[in-house]
Amino acid sequence: MKKVILALILTFTTLLATGEFKTSQFPDCSELKLNESKSIISCLNGDYEVTFEVNDNGKRNTQLEPTIKILSVANQVTQYIQQK
C-alpha cells in the first residue's frame, strides 16, 4: 500500500512539474507566469505578454479573452540551398 501511494505521489508531482496536468490556452508554447494576472508566453514565432482578468477570489477569469502584447518577434530563418 505504501508503494502504491508513493508511486501516485511521484506521478502526480511529475505531471505538475512538466505542465502536462494543466490545460493551456496556448498549445506548443511555454508560459512564464509572472503573477496571477500577467504571463510571458514564448512561442516559436515570438514572445508575448499576456494580461488576464482576475476574479474576486484572485484566480484568472478564463471566460474573458486575455490582452496580448507582442514583446519580440522571432527572426526568420532563411535557408540557402546550393546545388553541387
PDB file of N, CA and C in Angstrom:
ATOM      1  N   MET A   1       0.819  -1.190   0.000  1.00  0.00           N
ATOM      2  CA  MET A   1       0.000   0.000   0.000  1.00  0.00           C
ATOM      3  C   MET A   1       0.864   1.255   0.000  1.00  0.00           C
ATOM      4  N   LYS A   2       1.957   1.226   0.753  1.00  0.00           N
ATOM      5  CA  LYS A   2       2.852   2.378   0.802  1.00  0.00           C
ATOM      6  C   LYS A   2       3.505   2.632  -0.554  1.00  0.00           C
ATOM      7  N   LYS A   3       3.826   1.543  -1.265  1.00  0.00           N
ATOM      8  CA  LYS A   3       4.455   1.685  -2.573  1.00  0.00           C
ATOM      9  C   LYS A   3       3.487   2.310  -3.581  1.00  0.00           C
ATOM     10  N   VAL A   4       2.220   1.952  -3.490  1.00  0.00           N
ATOM     11  CA  VAL A   4       1.212   2.495  -4.400  1.00  0.00           C
ATOM     12  C   VAL A   4       1.035   3.993  -4.157  1.00  0.00           C
ATOM     13  N   ILE A   5       0.943   4.365  -2.897  1.00  0.00           N
ATOM     14  CA  ILE A   5       0.777   5.787  -2.557  1.00  0.00           C
ATOM     15  C   ILE A   5       2.017   6.573  -2.969  1.00  0.00           C
ATOM     16  N   LEU A   6       3.190   6.031  -2.749  1.00  0.00           N
ATOM     17  CA  LEU A   6       4.420   6.692  -3.148  1.00  0.00           C
ATOM     18  C   LEU A   6       4.482   6.858  -4.667  1.00  0.00           C
ATOM     19  N   ALA A   7       4.071   5.831  -5.402  1.00  0.00           N
ATOM     20  CA  ALA A   7       4.066   5.908  -6.859  1.00  0.00           C
ATOM     21  C   ALA A   7       3.076   6.963  -7.351  1.00  0.00           C
ATOM     22  N   LEU A   8       1.899   7.044  -6.730  1.00  0.00           N
ATOM     23  CA  LEU A   8       0.918   8.068  -7.115  1.00  0.00           C
ATOM     24  C   LEU A   8       1.429   9.476  -6.827  1.00  0.00           C
ATOM     25  N   ILE A   9       2.070   9.665  -5.701  1.00  0.00           N
ATOM     26  CA  ILE A   9       2.616  10.977  -5.362  1.00  0.00           C
ATOM     27  C   ILE A   9       3.700  11.380  -6.359  1.00  0.00           C
ATOM     28  N   LEU A  10       4.588  10.452  -6.700  1.00  0.00           N
ATOM     29  CA  LEU A  10       5.644  10.751  -7.660  1.00  0.00           C
ATOM     30  C   LEU A  10       5.085  11.057  -9.050  1.00  0.00           C
ATOM     31  N   THR A  11       4.083  10.307  -9.469  1.00  0.00           N
ATOM     32  CA  THR A  11       3.471  10.539 -10.772  1.00  0.00           C
ATOM     33  C   THR A  11       2.774  11.892 -10.818  1.00  0.00           C
ATOM     34  N   PHE A  12       2.019  12.223  -9.791  1.00  0.00           N
ATOM     35  CA  PHE A  12       1.308  13.491  -9.734  1.00  0.00           C
ATOM     36  C   PHE A  12       2.292  14.659  -9.723  1.00  0.00           C
ATOM     37  N   THR A  13       3.378  14.552  -8.975  1.00  0.00           N
ATOM     38  CA  THR A  13       4.370  15.629  -8.920  1.00  0.00           C
ATOM     39  C   THR A  13       5.058  15.795 -10.263  1.00  0.00           C
ATOM     40  N   THR A  14       5.351  14.700 -10.930  1.00  0.00           N
ATOM     41  CA  THR A  14       5.979  14.779 -12.247  1.00  0.00           C
ATOM     42  C   THR A  14       5.044  15.435 -13.253  1.00  0.00           C
ATOM     43  N   LEU A  15       3.782  15.085 -13.212  1.00  0.00           N
ATOM     44  CA  LEU A  15       2.823  15.707 -14.129  1.00  0.00           C
ATOM     45  C   LEU A  15       2.687  17.203 -13.880  1.00  0.00           C
ATOM     46  N   LEU A  16       2.683  17.602 -12.646  1.00  0.00           N
ATOM     47  CA  LEU A  16       2.608  19.030 -12.340  1.00  0.00           C
ATOM     48  C   LEU A  16       3.877  19.756 -12.757  1.00  0.00           C
ATOM     49  N   ALA A  17       5.020  19.136 -12.567  1.00  0.00           N
ATOM     50  CA  ALA A  17       6.290  19.772 -12.901  1.00  0.00           C
ATOM     51  C   ALA A  17       6.455  19.945 -14.403  1.00  0.00           C
ATOM     52  N   THR A  18       5.970  18.995 -15.182  1.00  0.00           N
ATOM     53  CA  THR A  18       6.099  19.098 -16.637  1.00  0.00           C
ATOM     54  C   THR A  18       4.988  19.908 -17.263  1.00  0.00           C
ATOM     55  N   GLY A  19       3.962  20.231 -16.524  1.00  0.00           N
ATOM     56  CA  GLY A  19       2.875  21.029 -17.059  1.00  0.00           C
ATOM     57  C   GLY A  19       1.858  20.225 -17.837  1.00  0.00           C
ATOM     58  N   GLU A  20       1.941  18.916 -17.814  1.00  0.00           N
ATOM     59  CA  GLU A  20       1.014  18.077 -18.563  1.00  0.00           C
ATOM     60  C   GLU A  20      -0.350  17.997 -17.888  1.00  0.00           C
ATOM     61  N   PHE A  21      -0.408  18.286 -16.621  1.00  0.00           N
ATOM     62  CA  PHE A  21      -1.656  18.138 -15.874  1.00  0.00           C
ATOM     63  C   PHE A  21      -2.619  19.289 -16.154  1.00  0.00           C
ATOM     64  N   LYS A  22      -2.093  20.480 -16.371  1.00  0.00           N
ATOM     65  CA  LYS A  22      -2.959  21.636 -16.576  1.00  0.00           C
ATOM     66  C   LYS A  22      -3.251  21.820 -18.059  1.00  0.00           C
ATOM     67  N   THR A  23      -4.376  22.420 -18.368  1.00  0.00           N
ATOM     68  CA  THR A  23      -4.707  22.722 -19.750  1.00  0.00           C
ATOM     69  C   THR A  23      -4.208  24.119 -20.057  1.00  0.00           C
ATOM     70  N   SER A  24      -3.700  24.295 -21.230  1.00  0.00           N
ATOM     71  CA  SER A  24      -3.117  25.576 -21.615  1.00  0.00           C
ATOM     72  C   SER A  24      -3.926  26.197 -22.748  1.00  0.00           C
ATOM     73  N   GLN A  25      -4.060  27.512 -22.700  1.00  0.00           N
ATOM     74  CA  GLN A  25      -4.733  28.220 -23.782  1.00  0.00           C
ATOM     75  C   GLN A  25      -3.810  28.396 -24.973  1.00  0.00           C
ATOM     76  N   PHE A  26      -2.513  28.174 -24.764  1.00  0.00           N
ATOM     77  CA  PHE A  26      -1.525  28.374 -25.809  1.00  0.00           C
ATOM     78  C   PHE A  26      -0.761  27.079 -26.038  1.00  0.00           C
ATOM     79  N   PRO A  27      -1.252  26.226 -26.942  1.00  0.00           N
ATOM     80  CA  PRO A  27      -0.553  24.957 -27.176  1.00  0.00           C
ATOM     81  C   PRO A  27       0.788  25.190 -27.875  1.00  0.00           C
ATOM     82  N   ASP A  28       1.752  24.328 -27.643  1.00  0.00           N
ATOM     83  CA  ASP A  28       3.097  24.381 -28.222  1.00  0.00           C
ATOM     84  C   ASP A  28       3.864  25.636 -27.819  1.00  0.00           C
ATOM     85  N   CYS A  29       3.504  26.252 -26.719  1.00  0.00           N
ATOM     86  CA  CYS A  29       4.206  27.420 -26.203  1.00  0.00           C
ATOM     87  C   CYS A  29       4.534  27.181 -24.734  1.00  0.00           C
ATOM     88  N   SER A  30       5.542  27.898 -24.248  1.00  0.00           N
ATOM     89  CA  SER A  30       5.866  27.793 -22.832  1.00  0.00           C
ATOM     90  C   SER A  30       5.460  29.083 -22.135  1.00  0.00           C
ATOM     91  N   GLU A  31       4.918  28.935 -20.933  1.00  0.00           N
ATOM     92  CA  GLU A  31       4.402  30.077 -20.192  1.00  0.00           C
ATOM     93  C   GLU A  31       5.276  30.349 -18.977  1.00  0.00           C
ATOM     94  N   LEU A  32       5.686  31.609 -18.837  1.00  0.00           N
ATOM     95  CA  LEU A  32       6.389  32.064 -17.649  1.00  0.00           C
ATOM     96  C   LEU A  32       5.415  32.944 -16.885  1.00  0.00           C
ATOM     97  N   LYS A  33       4.914  32.428 -15.771  1.00  0.00           N
ATOM     98  CA  LYS A  33       3.885  33.120 -15.006  1.00  0.00           C
ATOM     99  C   LYS A  33       4.543  34.148 -14.094  1.00  0.00           C
ATOM    100  N   LEU A  34       4.333  35.440 -14.372  1.00  0.00           N
ATOM    101  CA  LEU A  34       4.902  36.497 -13.545  1.00  0.00           C
ATOM    102  C   LEU A  34       4.098  36.679 -12.271  1.00  0.00           C
ATOM    103  N   ASN A  35       2.794  36.770 -12.402  1.00  0.00           N
ATOM    104  CA  ASN A  35       1.870  36.780 -11.270  1.00  0.00           C
ATOM    105  C   ASN A  35       0.540  36.251 -11.786  1.00  0.00           C
ATOM    106  N   GLU A  36      -0.519  36.366 -11.009  1.00  0.00           N
ATOM    107  CA  GLU A  36      -1.791  35.767 -11.405  1.00  0.00           C
ATOM    108  C   GLU A  36      -2.405  36.464 -12.619  1.00  0.00           C
ATOM    109  N   SER A  37      -2.071  37.734 -12.835  1.00  0.00           N
ATOM    110  CA  SER A  37      -2.693  38.455 -13.941  1.00  0.00           C
ATOM    111  C   SER A  37      -1.784  38.600 -15.158  1.00  0.00           C
ATOM    112  N   LYS A  38      -0.479  38.383 -15.041  1.00  0.00           N
ATOM    113  CA  LYS A  38       0.439  38.557 -16.168  1.00  0.00           C
ATOM    114  C   LYS A  38       1.300  37.327 -16.380  1.00  0.00           C
ATOM    115  N   SER A  39       1.538  37.033 -17.655  1.00  0.00           N
ATOM    116  CA  SER A  39       2.417  35.937 -18.044  1.00  0.00           C
ATOM    117  C   SER A  39       3.179  36.340 -19.292  1.00  0.00           C
ATOM    118  N   ILE A  40       4.309  35.699 -19.502  1.00  0.00           N
ATOM    119  CA  ILE A  40       5.035  35.844 -20.752  1.00  0.00           C
ATOM    120  C   ILE A  40       4.969  34.489 -21.445  1.00  0.00           C
ATOM    121  N   ILE A  41       4.467  34.498 -22.666  1.00  0.00           N
ATOM    122  CA  ILE A  41       4.311  33.283 -23.453  1.00  0.00           C
ATOM    123  C   ILE A  41       5.400  33.272 -24.526  1.00  0.00           C
ATOM    124  N   SER A  42       6.200  32.211 -24.563  1.00  0.00           N
ATOM    125  CA  SER A  42       7.254  32.065 -25.563  1.00  0.00           C
ATOM    126  C   SER A  42       6.834  31.007 -26.562  1.00  0.00           C
ATOM    127  N   CYS A  43       6.666  31.422 -27.800  1.00  0.00           N
ATOM    128  CA  CYS A  43       6.294  30.510 -28.881  1.00  0.00           C
ATOM    129  C   CYS A  43       7.405  30.504 -29.926  1.00  0.00           C
ATOM    130  N   LEU A  44       7.249  29.682 -30.929  1.00  0.00           N
ATOM    131  CA  LEU A  44       8.240  29.617 -31.995  1.00  0.00           C
ATOM    132  C   LEU A  44       8.305  30.910 -32.801  1.00  0.00           C
ATOM    133  N   ASN A  45       7.181  31.612 -32.902  1.00  0.00           N
ATOM    134  CA  ASN A  45       7.144  32.822 -33.716  1.00  0.00           C
ATOM    135  C   ASN A  45       7.376  34.099 -32.921  1.00  0.00           C
ATOM    136  N   GLY A  46       7.651  34.020 -31.616  1.00  0.00           N
ATOM    137  CA  GLY A  46       7.954  35.208 -30.832  1.00  0.00           C
ATOM    138  C   GLY A  46       7.512  35.087 -29.392  1.00  0.00           C
ATOM    139  N   ASP A  47       7.718  36.195 -28.658  1.00  0.00           N
ATOM    140  CA  ASP A  47       7.336  36.256 -27.253  1.00  0.00           C
ATOM    141  C   ASP A  47       6.185  37.241 -27.086  1.00  0.00           C
ATOM    142  N   TYR A  48       5.270  36.912 -26.183  1.00  0.00           N
ATOM    143  CA  TYR A  48       4.083  37.734 -25.968  1.00  0.00           C
ATOM    144  C   TYR A  48       3.869  37.967 -24.483  1.00  0.00           C
ATOM    145  N   GLU A  49       3.411  39.169 -24.136  1.00  0.00           N
ATOM    146  CA  GLU A  49       2.991  39.458 -22.767  1.00  0.00           C
ATOM    147  C   GLU A  49       1.474  39.350 -22.739  1.00  0.00           C
ATOM    148  N   VAL A  50       0.970  38.515 -21.864  1.00  0.00           N
ATOM    149  CA  VAL A  50      -0.466  38.256 -21.799  1.00  0.00           C
ATOM    150  C   VAL A  50      -0.983  38.734 -20.452  1.00  0.00           C
ATOM    151  N   THR A  51      -2.030  39.565 -20.486  1.00  0.00           N
ATOM    152  CA  THR A  51      -2.644  40.079 -19.265  1.00  0.00           C
ATOM    153  C   THR A  51      -4.036  39.482 -19.140  1.00  0.00           C
ATOM    154  N   PHE A  52      -4.290  38.817 -18.033  1.00  0.00           N
ATOM    155  CA  PHE A  52      -5.567  38.166 -17.770  1.00  0.00           C
ATOM    156  C   PHE A  52      -6.392  39.000 -16.797  1.00  0.00           C
ATOM    157  N   GLU A  53      -7.708  38.883 -16.894  1.00  0.00           N
ATOM    158  CA  GLU A  53      -8.601  39.468 -15.891  1.00  0.00           C
ATOM    159  C   GLU A  53      -8.618  38.544 -14.685  1.00  0.00           C
ATOM    160  N   VAL A  54      -8.629  39.123 -13.486  1.00  0.00           N
ATOM    161  CA  VAL A  54      -8.597  38.337 -12.257  1.00  0.00           C
ATOM    162  C   VAL A  54      -9.952  38.435 -11.564  1.00  0.00           C
ATOM    163  N   ASN A  55     -10.468  37.290 -11.115  1.00  0.00           N
ATOM    164  CA  ASN A  55     -11.743  37.249 -10.387  1.00  0.00           C
ATOM    165  C   ASN A  55     -11.566  37.829  -8.984  1.00  0.00           C
ATOM    166  N   ASP A  56     -12.667  37.930  -8.260  1.00  0.00           N
ATOM    167  CA  ASP A  56     -12.632  38.421  -6.887  1.00  0.00           C
ATOM    168  C   ASP A  56     -11.862  37.489  -5.957  1.00  0.00           C
ATOM    169  N   ASN A  57     -11.850  36.205  -6.287  1.00  0.00           N
ATOM    170  CA  ASN A  57     -11.145  35.240  -5.442  1.00  0.00           C
ATOM    171  C   ASN A  57      -9.653  35.163  -5.767  1.00  0.00           C
ATOM    172  N   GLY A  58      -9.171  35.970  -6.721  1.00  0.00           N
ATOM    173  CA  GLY A  58      -7.750  36.025  -7.036  1.00  0.00           C
ATOM    174  C   GLY A  58      -7.297  35.065  -8.104  1.00  0.00           C
ATOM    175  N   LYS A  59      -8.224  34.387  -8.778  1.00  0.00           N
ATOM    176  CA  LYS A  59      -7.861  33.447  -9.836  1.00  0.00           C
ATOM    177  C   LYS A  59      -8.170  34.062 -11.195  1.00  0.00           C
ATOM    178  N   ARG A  60      -7.509  33.534 -12.220  1.00  0.00           N
ATOM    179  CA  ARG A  60      -7.711  34.037 -13.585  1.00  0.00           C
ATOM    180  C   ARG A  60      -9.112  33.745 -14.075  1.00  0.00           C
ATOM    181  N   ASN A  61      -9.696  34.725 -14.747  1.00  0.00           N
ATOM    182  CA  ASN A  61     -11.011  34.534 -15.349  1.00  0.00           C
ATOM    183  C   ASN A  61     -10.799  33.965 -16.746  1.00  0.00           C
ATOM    184  N   THR A  62     -11.083  32.699 -16.928  1.00  0.00           N
ATOM    185  CA  THR A  62     -10.856  32.046 -18.217  1.00  0.00           C
ATOM    186  C   THR A  62     -11.991  32.289 -19.203  1.00  0.00           C
ATOM    187  N   GLN A  63     -13.064  32.914 -18.750  1.00  0.00           N
ATOM    188  CA  GLN A  63     -14.195  33.189 -19.635  1.00  0.00           C
ATOM    189  C   GLN A  63     -13.905  34.368 -20.561  1.00  0.00           C
ATOM    190  N   LEU A  64     -13.079  35.320 -20.109  1.00  0.00           N
ATOM    191  CA  LEU A  64     -12.752  36.508 -20.890  1.00  0.00           C
ATOM    192  C   LEU A  64     -11.461  36.297 -21.666  1.00  0.00           C
ATOM    193  N   GLU A  65     -11.368  36.934 -22.824  1.00  0.00           N
ATOM    194  CA  GLU A  65     -10.153  36.843 -23.634  1.00  0.00           C
ATOM    195  C   GLU A  65      -9.053  37.685 -23.001  1.00  0.00           C
ATOM    196  N   PRO A  66      -7.829  37.162 -22.927  1.00  0.00           N
ATOM    197  CA  PRO A  66      -6.731  37.943 -22.359  1.00  0.00           C
ATOM    198  C   PRO A  66      -6.231  39.001 -23.345  1.00  0.00           C
ATOM    199  N   THR A  67      -5.574  40.037 -22.819  1.00  0.00           N
ATOM    200  CA  THR A  67      -4.953  41.061 -23.647  1.00  0.00           C
ATOM    201  C   THR A  67      -3.549  40.589 -23.989  1.00  0.00           C
ATOM    202  N   ILE A  68      -3.217  40.599 -25.289  1.00  0.00           N
ATOM    203  CA  ILE A  68      -1.935  40.077 -25.752  1.00  0.00           C
ATOM    204  C   ILE A  68      -1.123  41.210 -26.372  1.00  0.00           C
ATOM    205  N   LYS A  69       0.112  41.372 -25.912  1.00  0.00           N
ATOM    206  CA  LYS A  69       1.016  42.398 -26.419  1.00  0.00           C
ATOM    207  C   LYS A  69       2.285  41.703 -26.904  1.00  0.00           C
ATOM    208  N   ILE A  70       2.748  42.050 -28.103  1.00  0.00           N
ATOM    209  CA  ILE A  70       3.937  41.416 -28.676  1.00  0.00           C
ATOM    210  C   ILE A  70       5.180  42.020 -28.022  1.00  0.00           C
ATOM    211  N   LEU A  71       6.037  41.174 -27.466  1.00  0.00           N
ATOM    212  CA  LEU A  71       7.309  41.621 -26.896  1.00  0.00           C
ATOM    213  C   LEU A  71       8.423  41.567 -27.927  1.00  0.00           C
ATOM    214  N   SER A  72       8.534  40.456 -28.632  1.00  0.00           N
ATOM    215  CA  SER A  72       9.553  40.334 -29.668  1.00  0.00           C
ATOM    216  C   SER A  72       9.095  39.312 -30.691  1.00  0.00           C
ATOM    217  N   VAL A  73       9.568  39.488 -31.901  1.00  0.00           N
ATOM    218  CA  VAL A  73       9.237  38.569 -32.982  1.00  0.00           C
ATOM    219  C   VAL A  73      10.488  37.771 -33.301  1.00  0.00           C
ATOM    220  N   ALA A  74      10.319  36.493 -33.471  1.00  0.00           N
ATOM    221  CA  ALA A  74      11.457  35.627 -33.775  1.00  0.00           C
ATOM    222  C   ALA A  74      12.015  35.955 -35.152  1.00  0.00           C
ATOM    223  N   ASN A  75      13.322  35.828 -35.289  1.00  0.00           N
ATOM    224  CA  ASN A  75      13.966  36.068 -36.578  1.00  0.00           C
ATOM    225  C   ASN A  75      13.577  34.972 -37.559  1.00  0.00           C
ATOM    226  N   GLN A  76      13.334  35.377 -38.775  1.00  0.00           N
ATOM    227  CA  GLN A  76      13.024  34.387 -39.794  1.00  0.00           C
ATOM    228  C   GLN A  76      14.305  33.693 -40.216  1.00  0.00           C
ATOM    229  N   VAL A  77      14.205  32.397 -40.407  1.00  0.00           N
ATOM    230  CA  VAL A  77      15.356  31.615 -40.839  1.00  0.00           C
ATOM    231  C   VAL A  77      15.297  31.485 -42.350  1.00  0.00           C
ATOM    232  N   THR A  78      16.348  31.944 -43.009  1.00  0.00           N
ATOM    233  CA  THR A  78      16.439  31.830 -44.460  1.00  0.00           C
ATOM    234  C   THR A  78      17.413  30.711 -44.779  1.00  0.00           C
ATOM    235  N   GLN A  79      16.965  29.793 -45.584  1.00  0.00           N
ATOM    236  CA  GLN A  79      17.801  28.649 -45.917  1.00  0.00           C
ATOM    237  C   GLN A  79      18.252  28.772 -47.364  1.00  0.00           C
ATOM    238  N   TYR A  80      19.544  28.797 -47.558  1.00  0.00           N
ATOM    239  CA  TYR A  80      20.118  28.876 -48.898  1.00  0.00           C
ATOM    240  C   TYR A  80      20.594  27.483 -49.297  1.00  0.00           C
ATOM    241  N   ILE A  81      20.079  26.998 -50.412  1.00  0.00           N
ATOM    242  CA  ILE A  81      20.434  25.667 -50.898  1.00  0.00           C
ATOM    243  C   ILE A  81      21.204  25.845 -52.194  1.00  0.00           C
ATOM    244  N   GLN A  82      22.390  25.259 -52.240  1.00  0.00           N
ATOM    245  CA  GLN A  82      23.199  25.340 -53.448  1.00  0.00           C
ATOM    246  C   GLN A  82      23.357  23.937 -54.025  1.00  0.00           C
ATOM    247  N   GLN A  83      23.264  23.863 -55.344  1.00  0.00           N
ATOM    248  CA  GLN A  83      23.466  22.577 -55.993  1.00  0.00           C
ATOM    249  C   GLN A  83      24.954  22.319 -56.156  1.00  0.00           C
ATOM    250  N   LYS A  84      25.347  21.056 -56.011  1.00  0.00           N
ATOM    251  CA  LYS A  84      26.768  20.688 -56.173  1.00  0.00           C
ATOM    252  C   LYS A  84      27.012  20.124 -57.524  1.00  0.00           C
TER     253      LYS A  84
END
